[in-house]
Amino acid sequence: MEDNERKGGAAIVARGYSMIEIRWHGRGGQGAKTAALLLADVGFSAGLYVQGFPEYGPERMGAPITAYNRLSKDKIRVHSNIYEPDMVVVVDETLLKTVDVAAGLKIGGKLLVNTGRAPADVLAGFGDIDAEIYVIDAVDIAVRAIGRPMPNSPLLSAVIRLSGIMGRDEAVHAMEEAFKEKFHSKPEIVEGNMTAVMEAWSSVLRINE
């Protein structure tokens, strides 16, 4: 683990962080909580200290949920929810109408939206926000690769790329190991998820300057 700690820690330091905090916005049943937990597994494999947890509350299908990640080169001593994230991930774009997903987002932070809408339409909903805004049609990727509209795997890939915690080859290997652990009795699901991961890595797009 020591070599991995140096590698993962160096990636975060290179981005100017000692710790990266990520907040996920989704709905029950879409996999936001699963994606946050998988990101923690992947970060741990890179030698980082990690947290991945949902905000507990009603978890009925379709209800808004929030999940969180912390990834750090040092021990994490805070255990609260995340109110000033470095990155926000919007799993369900309908939440943009009812939830202030960008609340607390740090200046110059990253905002990733799962959407198939035109970039101009997405940007119109955020006004003059001081953040890097990215989009990916994770549902479309998931339907084609997995056969189900479950966007968590493509979004996980996009988040790892944008966070810079590891390079592509290391990330692909780490995600494959995480999927093999989670779906050990269903190898066909692993294959589909890895197809989604590979496409998502190259599909995430920044839409503002």
C-alpha atoms as a PDB file:
ATOM      1  CA  MET A   1       0.000   0.000   0.000  1.00  0.00           C
ATOM      2  CA  GLU A   2       2.890   2.422   0.567  1.00  0.00           C
ATOM      3  CA  ASP A   3       3.742   2.848  -3.123  1.00  0.00           C
ATOM      4  CA  ASN A   4       0.075   3.316  -3.941  1.00  0.00           C
ATOM      5  CA  GLU A   5      -0.258   5.935  -1.211  1.00  0.00           C
ATOM      6  CA  ARG A   6       2.549   7.956  -2.761  1.00  0.00           C
ATOM      7  CA  LYS A   7       0.999   7.646  -6.209  1.00  0.00           C
ATOM      8  CA  GLY A   8      -2.547   8.539  -5.180  1.00  0.00           C
ATOM      9  CA  GLY A   9      -1.396  11.291  -2.858  1.00  0.00           C
ATOM     10  CA  ALA A  10       0.780  12.821  -5.558  1.00  0.00           C
ATOM     11  CA  ALA A  11      -2.206  12.992  -7.925  1.00  0.00           C
ATOM     12  CA  ILE A  12      -4.247  14.956  -5.396  1.00  0.00           C
ATOM     13  CA  VAL A  13      -1.348  17.252  -4.496  1.00  0.00           C
ATOM     14  CA  ALA A  14      -0.803  17.971  -8.194  1.00  0.00           C
ATOM     15  CA  ARG A  15      -4.353  19.304  -8.340  1.00  0.00           C
ATOM     16  CA  GLY A  16      -3.686  21.619  -5.410  1.00  0.00           C
ATOM     17  CA  TYR A  17      -5.732  19.616  -2.889  1.00  0.00           C
ATOM     18  CA  SER A  18      -4.884  17.657   0.231  1.00  0.00           C
ATOM     19  CA  MET A  19      -8.431  16.294   0.083  1.00  0.00           C
ATOM     20  CA  ILE A  20     -11.153  16.160  -2.582  1.00  0.00           C
ATOM     21  CA  GLU A  21     -14.789  16.325  -1.483  1.00  0.00           C
ATOM     22  CA  ILE A  22     -17.554  15.198  -3.832  1.00  0.00           C
ATOM     23  CA  ARG A  23     -21.332  15.474  -3.480  1.00  0.00           C
ATOM     24  CA  TRP A  24     -23.735  13.341  -5.509  1.00  0.00           C
ATOM     25  CA  HIS A  25     -27.372  14.286  -6.242  1.00  0.00           C
ATOM     26  CA  GLY A  26     -29.682  11.568  -7.520  1.00  0.00           C
ATOM     27  CA  ARG A  27     -32.892   9.680  -6.920  1.00  0.00           C
ATOM     28  CA  GLY A  28     -33.441   6.395  -5.148  1.00  0.00           C
ATOM     29  CA  GLY A  29     -32.795   3.431  -7.413  1.00  0.00           C
ATOM     30  CA  GLN A  30     -30.434   5.216  -9.815  1.00  0.00           C
ATOM     31  CA  GLY A  31     -27.226   4.047  -8.175  1.00  0.00           C
ATOM     32  CA  ALA A  32     -25.860   7.298  -6.716  1.00  0.00           C
ATOM     33  CA  LYS A  33     -25.145   5.625  -3.380  1.00  0.00           C
ATOM     34  CA  THR A  34     -23.581   2.638  -5.126  1.00  0.00           C
ATOM     35  CA  ALA A  35     -21.389   4.907  -7.250  1.00  0.00           C
ATOM     36  CA  ALA A  36     -20.165   6.768  -4.148  1.00  0.00           C
ATOM     37  CA  LEU A  37     -19.298   3.490  -2.416  1.00  0.00           C
ATOM     38  CA  LEU A  38     -17.533   2.168  -5.515  1.00  0.00           C
ATOM     39  CA  LEU A  39     -15.558   5.412  -5.796  1.00  0.00           C
ATOM     40  CA  ALA A  40     -14.400   4.890  -2.218  1.00  0.00           C
ATOM     41  CA  ASP A  41     -13.249   1.373  -3.138  1.00  0.00           C
ATOM     42  CA  VAL A  42     -11.372   2.662  -6.169  1.00  0.00           C
ATOM     43  CA  GLY A  43      -9.765   5.495  -4.199  1.00  0.00           C
ATOM     44  CA  PHE A  44      -8.667   3.049  -1.526  1.00  0.00           C
ATOM     45  CA  SER A  45      -7.024   0.900  -4.207  1.00  0.00           C
ATOM     46  CA  ALA A  46      -5.044   3.991  -5.244  1.00  0.00           C
ATOM     47  CA  GLY A  47      -3.672   4.277  -1.712  1.00  0.00           C
ATOM     48  CA  LEU A  48      -5.896   7.122  -0.564  1.00  0.00           C
ATOM     49  CA  TYR A  49      -7.839   7.560   2.635  1.00  0.00           C
ATOM     50  CA  VAL A  50     -11.508   7.499   1.649  1.00  0.00           C
ATOM     51  CA  GLN A  51     -15.075   8.028   2.758  1.00  0.00           C
ATOM     52  CA  GLY A  52     -18.220   7.124   0.839  1.00  0.00           C
ATOM     53  CA  PHE A  53     -21.646   7.457   2.428  1.00  0.00           C
ATOM     54  CA  PRO A  54     -25.254   8.488   1.715  1.00  0.00           C
ATOM     55  CA  GLU A  55     -27.246  11.102   3.569  1.00  0.00           C
ATOM     56  CA  TYR A  56     -29.671   8.941   5.467  1.00  0.00           C
ATOM     57  CA  GLY A  57     -33.352   9.572   5.029  1.00  0.00           C
ATOM     58  CA  PRO A  58     -36.233   8.109   3.021  1.00  0.00           C
ATOM     59  CA  GLU A  59     -34.688   5.858   0.365  1.00  0.00           C
ATOM     60  CA  ARG A  60     -37.836   5.037  -1.550  1.00  0.00           C
ATOM     61  CA  MET A  61     -37.594   4.600  -5.302  1.00  0.00           C
ATOM     62  CA  GLY A  62     -37.451   7.967  -7.049  1.00  0.00           C
ATOM     63  CA  ALA A  63     -36.988  10.073  -3.916  1.00  0.00           C
ATOM     64  CA  PRO A  64     -34.125  12.611  -4.011  1.00  0.00           C
ATOM     65  CA  ILE A  65     -30.986  11.347  -2.270  1.00  0.00           C
ATOM     66  CA  THR A  66     -27.535  12.763  -1.611  1.00  0.00           C
ATOM     67  CA  ALA A  67     -24.284  10.846  -1.271  1.00  0.00           C
ATOM     68  CA  TYR A  68     -20.757  11.962  -0.466  1.00  0.00           C
ATOM     69  CA  ASN A  69     -17.096  11.102  -0.993  1.00  0.00           C
ATOM     70  CA  ARG A  70     -13.893  12.291   0.561  1.00  0.00           C
ATOM     71  CA  LEU A  71     -10.561  11.260  -0.973  1.00  0.00           C
ATOM     72  CA  SER A  72      -7.413  12.332   0.837  1.00  0.00           C
ATOM     73  CA  LYS A  73      -3.688  11.688   1.009  1.00  0.00           C
ATOM     74  CA  ASP A  74      -3.908  12.176   4.778  1.00  0.00           C
ATOM     75  CA  LYS A  75      -6.144  10.639   7.417  1.00  0.00           C
ATOM     76  CA  ILE A  76      -9.670  12.033   7.271  1.00  0.00           C
ATOM     77  CA  ARG A  77     -10.773  13.380  10.627  1.00  0.00           C
ATOM     78  CA  VAL A  78     -14.092  14.975   9.613  1.00  0.00           C
ATOM     79  CA  HIS A  79     -17.246  12.881   9.385  1.00  0.00           C
ATOM     80  CA  SER A  80     -19.972  15.394   8.552  1.00  0.00           C
ATOM     81  CA  ASN A  81     -21.895  15.828   5.339  1.00  0.00           C
ATOM     82  CA  ILE A  82     -20.152  17.886   2.661  1.00  0.00           C
ATOM     83  CA  TYR A  83     -21.338  21.480   2.324  1.00  0.00           C
ATOM     84  CA  GLU A  84     -18.519  23.024   0.223  1.00  0.00           C
ATOM     85  CA  PRO A  85     -17.618  20.309  -2.311  1.00  0.00           C
ATOM     86  CA  ASP A  86     -14.853  20.443  -4.872  1.00  0.00           C
ATOM     87  CA  MET A  87     -17.089  18.512  -7.259  1.00  0.00           C
ATOM     88  CA  VAL A  88     -20.827  17.991  -7.635  1.00  0.00           C
ATOM     89  CA  VAL A  89     -22.321  15.129  -9.635  1.00  0.00           C
ATOM     90  CA  VAL A  90     -25.933  15.381 -10.813  1.00  0.00           C
ATOM     91  CA  VAL A  91     -27.175  11.872 -11.547  1.00  0.00           C
ATOM     92  CA  ASP A  92     -30.734  12.958 -12.396  1.00  0.00           C
ATOM     93  CA  GLU A  93     -31.060  16.209 -14.323  1.00  0.00           C
ATOM     94  CA  THR A  94     -34.697  16.696 -13.235  1.00  0.00           C
ATOM     95  CA  LEU A  95     -33.278  17.673  -9.854  1.00  0.00           C
ATOM     96  CA  LEU A  96     -31.904  20.839 -11.444  1.00  0.00           C
ATOM     97  CA  LYS A  97     -35.452  22.243 -11.280  1.00  0.00           C
ATOM     98  CA  THR A  98     -35.978  21.590  -7.582  1.00  0.00           C
ATOM     99  CA  VAL A  99     -32.564  21.349  -5.883  1.00  0.00           C
ATOM    100  CA  ASP A 100     -29.781  23.938  -5.730  1.00  0.00           C
ATOM    101  CA  VAL A 101     -27.184  21.353  -6.719  1.00  0.00           C
ATOM    102  CA  ALA A 102     -24.415  23.950  -6.949  1.00  0.00           C
ATOM    103  CA  ALA A 103     -24.932  25.198  -3.388  1.00  0.00           C
ATOM    104  CA  GLY A 104     -21.576  25.603  -1.673  1.00  0.00           C
ATOM    105  CA  LEU A 105     -19.565  24.452  -4.696  1.00  0.00           C
ATOM    106  CA  LYS A 106     -16.079  25.896  -4.352  1.00  0.00           C
ATOM    107  CA  ILE A 107     -14.980  28.613  -6.758  1.00  0.00           C
ATOM    108  CA  GLY A 108     -13.388  26.906  -9.732  1.00  0.00           C
ATOM    109  CA  GLY A 109     -14.922  23.573  -8.740  1.00  0.00           C
ATOM    110  CA  LYS A 110     -16.347  20.992 -11.111  1.00  0.00           C
ATOM    111  CA  LEU A 111     -20.007  20.284 -11.830  1.00  0.00           C
ATOM    112  CA  LEU A 112     -20.866  17.116 -13.772  1.00  0.00           C
ATOM    113  CA  VAL A 113     -24.404  16.660 -15.142  1.00  0.00           C
ATOM    114  CA  ASN A 114     -25.813  13.447 -16.531  1.00  0.00           C
ATOM    115  CA  THR A 115     -27.840  14.690 -19.496  1.00  0.00           C
ATOM    116  CA  GLY A 116     -28.525  14.257 -23.182  1.00  0.00           C
ATOM    117  CA  ARG A 117     -29.587  17.878 -23.611  1.00  0.00           C
ATOM    118  CA  ALA A 118     -27.723  20.419 -25.714  1.00  0.00           C
ATOM    119  CA  PRO A 119     -24.905  22.202 -23.822  1.00  0.00           C
ATOM    120  CA  ALA A 120     -26.556  25.608 -24.274  1.00  0.00           C
ATOM    121  CA  ASP A 121     -29.706  24.366 -22.536  1.00  0.00           C
ATOM    122  CA  VAL A 122     -27.678  23.037 -19.607  1.00  0.00           C
ATOM    123  CA  LEU A 123     -25.652  26.227 -19.235  1.00  0.00           C
ATOM    124  CA  ALA A 124     -28.795  28.365 -19.240  1.00  0.00           C
ATOM    125  CA  GLY A 125     -29.846  26.803 -15.969  1.00  0.00           C
ATOM    126  CA  PHE A 126     -26.712  27.860 -14.082  1.00  0.00           C
ATOM    127  CA  GLY A 127     -26.266  31.503 -15.018  1.00  0.00           C
ATOM    128  CA  ASP A 128     -22.883  33.056 -14.288  1.00  0.00           C
ATOM    129  CA  ILE A 129     -21.538  30.240 -12.114  1.00  0.00           C
ATOM    130  CA  ASP A 130     -17.787  30.207 -11.363  1.00  0.00           C
ATOM    131  CA  ALA A 131     -17.218  26.507 -11.984  1.00  0.00           C
ATOM    132  CA  GLU A 132     -16.180  24.104 -14.690  1.00  0.00           C
ATOM    133  CA  ILE A 133     -19.340  22.488 -16.059  1.00  0.00           C
ATOM    134  CA  TYR A 134     -19.194  19.057 -17.680  1.00  0.00           C
ATOM    135  CA  VAL A 135     -21.846  16.829 -19.233  1.00  0.00           C
ATOM    136  CA  ILE A 136     -22.109  13.169 -20.124  1.00  0.00           C
ATOM    137  CA  ASP A 137     -25.060  11.155 -21.368  1.00  0.00           C
ATOM    138  CA  ALA A 138     -24.496   8.353 -18.879  1.00  0.00           C
ATOM    139  CA  VAL A 139     -27.963   6.859 -19.367  1.00  0.00           C
ATOM    140  CA  ASP A 140     -27.435   6.431 -23.101  1.00  0.00           C
ATOM    141  CA  ILE A 141     -24.025   4.836 -22.505  1.00  0.00           C
ATOM    142  CA  ALA A 142     -25.476   2.493 -19.891  1.00  0.00           C
ATOM    143  CA  VAL A 143     -28.411   1.397 -22.058  1.00  0.00           C
ATOM    144  CA  ARG A 144     -26.111   0.529 -24.948  1.00  0.00           C
ATOM    145  CA  ALA A 145     -23.420  -1.152 -22.836  1.00  0.00           C
ATOM    146  CA  ILE A 146     -25.403  -2.761 -20.017  1.00  0.00           C
ATOM    147  CA  GLY A 147     -28.925  -2.884 -21.402  1.00  0.00           C
ATOM    148  CA  ARG A 148     -30.360  -0.889 -18.490  1.00  0.00           C
ATOM    149  CA  PRO A 149     -30.657   2.867 -17.796  1.00  0.00           C
ATOM    150  CA  MET A 150     -28.310   2.712 -14.786  1.00  0.00           C
ATOM    151  CA  PRO A 151     -25.879   5.646 -15.068  1.00  0.00           C
ATOM    152  CA  ASN A 152     -23.672   4.937 -12.045  1.00  0.00           C
ATOM    153  CA  SER A 153     -20.829   3.113 -13.846  1.00  0.00           C
ATOM    154  CA  PRO A 154     -20.365   5.737 -16.591  1.00  0.00           C
ATOM    155  CA  LEU A 155     -20.564   8.518 -13.999  1.00  0.00           C
ATOM    156  CA  LEU A 156     -18.028   6.768 -11.788  1.00  0.00           C
ATOM    157  CA  SER A 157     -15.613   6.674 -14.718  1.00  0.00           C
ATOM    158  CA  ALA A 158     -16.195  10.347 -15.517  1.00  0.00           C
ATOM    159  CA  VAL A 159     -15.730  11.392 -11.879  1.00  0.00           C
ATOM    160  CA  ILE A 160     -12.436   9.536 -11.581  1.00  0.00           C
ATOM    161  CA  ARG A 161     -11.174  11.186 -14.735  1.00  0.00           C
ATOM    162  CA  LEU A 162     -12.209  14.671 -13.608  1.00  0.00           C
ATOM    163  CA  SER A 163     -10.871  14.204 -10.077  1.00  0.00           C
ATOM    164  CA  GLY A 164      -7.426  13.247 -11.371  1.00  0.00           C
ATOM    165  CA  ILE A 165      -6.874  10.716  -8.584  1.00  0.00           C
ATOM    166  CA  MET A 166      -5.397   8.242 -11.072  1.00  0.00           C
ATOM    167  CA  GLY A 167      -4.650   7.789 -14.745  1.00  0.00           C
ATOM    168  CA  ARG A 168      -6.807   5.913 -17.231  1.00  0.00           C
ATOM    169  CA  ASP A 169      -5.079   2.530 -17.148  1.00  0.00           C
ATOM    170  CA  GLU A 170      -4.927   2.394 -13.363  1.00  0.00           C
ATOM    171  CA  ALA A 171      -8.530   3.556 -13.112  1.00  0.00           C
ATOM    172  CA  VAL A 172      -9.795   0.947 -15.564  1.00  0.00           C
ATOM    173  CA  HIS A 173      -8.011  -1.801 -13.636  1.00  0.00           C
ATOM    174  CA  ALA A 174      -9.319  -0.542 -10.285  1.00  0.00           C
ATOM    175  CA  MET A 175     -12.899  -0.264 -11.534  1.00  0.00           C
ATOM    176  CA  GLU A 176     -12.775  -3.738 -13.059  1.00  0.00           C
ATOM    177  CA  GLU A 177     -11.610  -5.203  -9.749  1.00  0.00           C
ATOM    178  CA  ALA A 178     -14.383  -3.343  -7.912  1.00  0.00           C
ATOM    179  CA  PHE A 179     -17.012  -4.669 -10.328  1.00  0.00           C
ATOM    180  CA  LYS A 180     -15.660  -8.216 -10.073  1.00  0.00           C
ATOM    181  CA  GLU A 181     -16.008  -8.014  -6.301  1.00  0.00           C
ATOM    182  CA  LYS A 182     -19.538  -6.614  -6.444  1.00  0.00           C
ATOM    183  CA  PHE A 183     -20.803  -8.858  -9.265  1.00  0.00           C
ATOM    184  CA  HIS A 184     -18.668 -11.939  -8.661  1.00  0.00           C
ATOM    185  CA  SER A 185     -21.503 -14.299  -9.649  1.00  0.00           C
ATOM    186  CA  LYS A 186     -22.481 -12.344 -12.785  1.00  0.00           C
ATOM    187  CA  PRO A 187     -19.418 -11.928 -15.051  1.00  0.00           C
ATOM    188  CA  GLU A 188     -21.596 -10.689 -17.922  1.00  0.00           C
ATOM    189  CA  ILE A 189     -22.517  -7.647 -15.837  1.00  0.00           C
ATOM    190  CA  VAL A 190     -18.819  -6.907 -15.273  1.00  0.00           C
ATOM    191  CA  GLU A 191     -18.196  -6.938 -19.016  1.00  0.00           C
ATOM    192  CA  GLY A 192     -21.060  -4.555 -19.710  1.00  0.00           C
ATOM    193  CA  ASN A 193     -19.989  -2.172 -16.974  1.00  0.00           C
ATOM    194  CA  MET A 194     -16.434  -2.107 -18.256  1.00  0.00           C
ATOM    195  CA  THR A 195     -17.670  -1.257 -21.741  1.00  0.00           C
ATOM    196  CA  ALA A 196     -19.587   1.648 -20.203  1.00  0.00           C
ATOM    197  CA  VAL A 197     -16.530   2.728 -18.208  1.00  0.00           C
ATOM    198  CA  MET A 198     -14.289   2.838 -21.277  1.00  0.00           C
ATOM    199  CA  GLU A 199     -16.763   4.854 -23.336  1.00  0.00           C
ATOM    200  CA  ALA A 200     -17.540   7.256 -20.501  1.00  0.00           C
ATOM    201  CA  TRP A 201     -13.854   8.029 -19.907  1.00  0.00           C
ATOM    202  CA  SER A 202     -13.598   9.562 -23.378  1.00  0.00           C
ATOM    203  CA  SER A 203     -17.136  11.001 -23.561  1.00  0.00           C
ATOM    204  CA  VAL A 204     -17.220  13.489 -20.686  1.00  0.00           C
ATOM    205  CA  LEU A 205     -17.282  17.011 -22.139  1.00  0.00           C
ATOM    206  CA  ARG A 206     -16.660  20.444 -20.687  1.00  0.00           C
ATOM    207  CA  ILE A 207     -19.270  22.915 -21.957  1.00  0.00           C
ATOM    208  CA  ASN A 208     -18.072  26.259 -20.582  1.00  0.00           C
ATOM    209  CA  GLU A 209     -14.825  28.207 -20.603  1.00  0.00           C
END
